[in-house]
Amino acid sequence: MDINGFGKILILSGIILTVAGILFIFAGKIPWFGKLPGDIYIKKENFTLYFPLATSILLSVVLSVVMFFIGRKS
């Protein structure tokens, strides 16, 4: 890999980390984020389990589509 390719990977990684950081900051303000039907939430006396299955699948699909279009243009 040449230096230009490595530079593009670093820039893309920075953009992805920036978007992820913004998502973490504003995730609490998005009412449906993390509370989709299909997210598993079990609360008992001394035990709480939260597994955002549907949210994870949705994020995976969105990121796959974004990466598809990024890879297609280059």
N, C-alpha and C. Protein backbone atom coordinates (compact mmCIF):
# COMPACT_ATOMS: atom_id res chain seq x y z
N MET A 1 0.85 -1.17 0.00
CA MET A 1 0.00 0.00 0.00
C MET A 1 0.90 1.24 0.00
N ASP A 2 0.59 2.16 -0.86
CA ASP A 2 1.38 3.38 -0.91
C ASP A 2 0.93 4.37 0.15
N ILE A 3 1.64 5.44 0.29
CA ILE A 3 1.37 6.44 1.34
C ILE A 3 0.04 7.15 1.11
N ASN A 4 -0.36 7.34 -0.14
CA ASN A 4 -1.66 7.99 -0.42
C ASN A 4 -2.82 7.13 0.03
N GLY A 5 -2.73 5.82 -0.20
CA GLY A 5 -3.79 4.92 0.24
C GLY A 5 -3.91 4.90 1.75
N PHE A 6 -2.76 4.90 2.43
CA PHE A 6 -2.77 4.92 3.89
C PHE A 6 -3.35 6.22 4.42
N GLY A 7 -3.06 7.32 3.75
CA GLY A 7 -3.62 8.61 4.15
C GLY A 7 -5.14 8.63 4.01
N LYS A 8 -5.63 8.04 2.93
CA LYS A 8 -7.09 7.98 2.74
C LYS A 8 -7.75 7.13 3.81
N ILE A 9 -7.10 6.04 4.19
CA ILE A 9 -7.64 5.20 5.25
C ILE A 9 -7.69 5.97 6.57
N LEU A 10 -6.65 6.73 6.87
CA LEU A 10 -6.64 7.52 8.11
C LEU A 10 -7.73 8.59 8.11
N ILE A 11 -7.92 9.25 6.97
CA ILE A 11 -8.97 10.27 6.88
C ILE A 11 -10.34 9.64 7.05
N LEU A 12 -10.58 8.52 6.38
CA LEU A 12 -11.87 7.83 6.49
C LEU A 12 -12.10 7.36 7.92
N SER A 13 -11.06 6.84 8.57
CA SER A 13 -11.19 6.41 9.97
C SER A 13 -11.54 7.60 10.87
N GLY A 14 -10.92 8.73 10.63
CA GLY A 14 -11.23 9.93 11.41
C GLY A 14 -12.66 10.38 11.22
N ILE A 15 -13.15 10.32 10.00
CA ILE A 15 -14.54 10.70 9.73
C ILE A 15 -15.50 9.75 10.44
N ILE A 16 -15.21 8.46 10.37
CA ILE A 16 -16.07 7.47 11.02
C ILE A 16 -16.07 7.68 12.53
N LEU A 17 -14.90 7.93 13.12
CA LEU A 17 -14.84 8.17 14.57
C LEU A 17 -15.56 9.45 14.96
N THR A 18 -15.47 10.48 14.13
CA THR A 18 -16.18 11.73 14.40
C THR A 18 -17.69 11.52 14.38
N VAL A 19 -18.17 10.81 13.37
CA VAL A 19 -19.61 10.53 13.28
C VAL A 19 -20.06 9.68 14.47
N ALA A 20 -19.24 8.68 14.85
CA ALA A 20 -19.58 7.85 16.01
C ALA A 20 -19.63 8.70 17.28
N GLY A 21 -18.70 9.62 17.44
CA GLY A 21 -18.71 10.50 18.61
C GLY A 21 -19.94 11.39 18.65
N ILE A 22 -20.31 11.93 17.52
CA ILE A 22 -21.52 12.76 17.45
C ILE A 22 -22.75 11.92 17.77
N LEU A 23 -22.76 10.68 17.27
CA LEU A 23 -23.88 9.79 17.56
C LEU A 23 -23.98 9.52 19.06
N PHE A 24 -22.85 9.29 19.73
CA PHE A 24 -22.86 9.05 21.17
C PHE A 24 -23.35 10.28 21.93
N ILE A 25 -22.98 11.45 21.47
CA ILE A 25 -23.40 12.68 22.15
C ILE A 25 -24.91 12.88 22.03
N PHE A 26 -25.45 12.67 20.83
CA PHE A 26 -26.85 12.95 20.58
C PHE A 26 -27.76 11.74 20.67
N ALA A 27 -27.23 10.57 21.02
CA ALA A 27 -28.04 9.34 21.08
C ALA A 27 -29.17 9.46 22.10
N GLY A 28 -28.93 10.13 23.21
CA GLY A 28 -29.97 10.28 24.21
C GLY A 28 -31.10 11.19 23.78
N LYS A 29 -30.85 12.03 22.78
CA LYS A 29 -31.86 12.96 22.30
C LYS A 29 -32.70 12.40 21.16
N ILE A 30 -32.30 11.23 20.64
CA ILE A 30 -33.08 10.55 19.61
C ILE A 30 -34.00 9.57 20.33
N PRO A 31 -35.31 9.81 20.32
CA PRO A 31 -36.19 9.02 21.18
C PRO A 31 -36.26 7.53 20.85
N TRP A 32 -36.08 7.14 19.61
CA TRP A 32 -36.20 5.73 19.23
C TRP A 32 -34.88 4.99 19.30
N PHE A 33 -33.76 5.70 19.42
CA PHE A 33 -32.44 5.07 19.38
C PHE A 33 -32.21 4.23 20.63
N GLY A 34 -32.08 2.93 20.46
CA GLY A 34 -31.88 2.02 21.57
C GLY A 34 -33.16 1.51 22.20
N LYS A 35 -34.30 1.89 21.63
CA LYS A 35 -35.59 1.45 22.18
C LYS A 35 -36.49 0.89 21.08
N LEU A 36 -35.87 0.26 20.11
CA LEU A 36 -36.65 -0.31 19.01
C LEU A 36 -37.29 -1.62 19.45
N PRO A 37 -38.41 -1.99 18.80
CA PRO A 37 -38.95 -3.32 19.05
C PRO A 37 -37.91 -4.35 18.60
N GLY A 38 -37.62 -5.29 19.42
CA GLY A 38 -36.57 -6.26 19.12
C GLY A 38 -35.34 -6.07 19.99
N ASP A 39 -35.23 -4.93 20.66
CA ASP A 39 -34.17 -4.73 21.64
C ASP A 39 -34.55 -5.50 22.90
N ILE A 40 -33.62 -6.26 23.43
CA ILE A 40 -33.89 -7.13 24.57
C ILE A 40 -33.56 -6.39 25.86
N TYR A 41 -34.54 -6.30 26.75
CA TYR A 41 -34.36 -5.63 28.04
C TYR A 41 -35.01 -6.51 29.11
N ILE A 42 -34.18 -7.05 29.99
CA ILE A 42 -34.67 -7.91 31.07
C ILE A 42 -34.21 -7.30 32.39
N LYS A 43 -35.16 -7.03 33.27
CA LYS A 43 -34.82 -6.46 34.57
C LYS A 43 -35.44 -7.33 35.65
N LYS A 44 -34.59 -7.83 36.55
CA LYS A 44 -35.04 -8.62 37.70
C LYS A 44 -34.52 -7.95 38.95
N GLU A 45 -34.61 -8.60 40.08
CA GLU A 45 -34.22 -7.98 41.35
C GLU A 45 -32.78 -7.47 41.34
N ASN A 46 -31.82 -8.35 41.14
CA ASN A 46 -30.42 -7.95 41.18
C ASN A 46 -29.73 -8.11 39.84
N PHE A 47 -30.49 -8.09 38.78
CA PHE A 47 -29.93 -8.36 37.47
C PHE A 47 -30.64 -7.54 36.41
N THR A 48 -29.87 -6.90 35.55
CA THR A 48 -30.43 -6.17 34.42
C THR A 48 -29.63 -6.53 33.18
N LEU A 49 -30.34 -6.90 32.13
CA LEU A 49 -29.70 -7.23 30.86
C LEU A 49 -30.33 -6.36 29.78
N TYR A 50 -29.49 -5.64 29.06
CA TYR A 50 -29.96 -4.84 27.93
C TYR A 50 -29.10 -5.21 26.73
N PHE A 51 -29.74 -5.74 25.71
CA PHE A 51 -29.05 -6.10 24.47
C PHE A 51 -29.80 -5.47 23.30
N PRO A 52 -29.24 -4.40 22.72
CA PRO A 52 -29.94 -3.68 21.64
C PRO A 52 -29.83 -4.40 20.30
N LEU A 53 -30.51 -5.51 20.17
CA LEU A 53 -30.42 -6.34 18.96
C LEU A 53 -30.93 -5.61 17.72
N ALA A 54 -32.12 -5.08 17.76
CA ALA A 54 -32.70 -4.40 16.60
C ALA A 54 -31.91 -3.14 16.25
N THR A 55 -31.47 -2.40 17.25
CA THR A 55 -30.67 -1.21 17.01
C THR A 55 -29.34 -1.59 16.36
N SER A 56 -28.73 -2.67 16.80
CA SER A 56 -27.46 -3.13 16.22
C SER A 56 -27.64 -3.53 14.76
N ILE A 57 -28.73 -4.22 14.47
CA ILE A 57 -29.00 -4.63 13.09
C ILE A 57 -29.23 -3.40 12.21
N LEU A 58 -29.99 -2.44 12.71
CA LEU A 58 -30.25 -1.22 11.94
C LEU A 58 -28.96 -0.46 11.67
N LEU A 59 -28.11 -0.30 12.68
CA LEU A 59 -26.83 0.38 12.48
C LEU A 59 -25.94 -0.38 11.51
N SER A 60 -25.96 -1.69 11.57
CA SER A 60 -25.17 -2.51 10.66
C SER A 60 -25.62 -2.31 9.21
N VAL A 61 -26.92 -2.28 8.99
CA VAL A 61 -27.43 -2.07 7.64
C VAL A 61 -27.07 -0.68 7.13
N VAL A 62 -27.25 0.34 7.96
CA VAL A 62 -26.92 1.71 7.56
C VAL A 62 -25.43 1.84 7.25
N LEU A 63 -24.58 1.30 8.11
CA LEU A 63 -23.13 1.39 7.87
C LEU A 63 -22.72 0.59 6.64
N SER A 64 -23.37 -0.54 6.40
CA SER A 64 -23.07 -1.33 5.20
C SER A 64 -23.41 -0.56 3.93
N VAL A 65 -24.54 0.11 3.93
CA VAL A 65 -24.93 0.90 2.76
C VAL A 65 -23.96 2.06 2.56
N VAL A 66 -23.59 2.75 3.64
CA VAL A 66 -22.64 3.86 3.54
C VAL A 66 -21.29 3.37 3.01
N MET A 67 -20.80 2.26 3.55
CA MET A 67 -19.51 1.73 3.10
C MET A 67 -19.59 1.24 1.65
N PHE A 68 -20.73 0.73 1.23
CA PHE A 68 -20.91 0.31 -0.15
C PHE A 68 -20.74 1.51 -1.09
N PHE A 69 -21.38 2.63 -0.74
CA PHE A 69 -21.29 3.80 -1.61
C PHE A 69 -19.91 4.45 -1.54
N ILE A 70 -19.24 4.39 -0.39
CA ILE A 70 -17.88 4.93 -0.29
C ILE A 70 -16.94 4.08 -1.14
N GLY A 71 -17.06 2.77 -1.06
CA GLY A 71 -16.20 1.89 -1.83
C GLY A 71 -16.47 1.93 -3.32
N ARG A 72 -17.68 2.25 -3.69
CA ARG A 72 -18.07 2.30 -5.09
C ARG A 72 -17.49 3.51 -5.81
N LYS A 73 -17.33 4.61 -5.09
CA LYS A 73 -16.85 5.85 -5.71
C LYS A 73 -15.34 5.86 -5.91
N SER A 74 -14.61 5.08 -5.13
CA SER A 74 -13.15 5.13 -5.24
C SER A 74 -12.60 4.04 -6.11
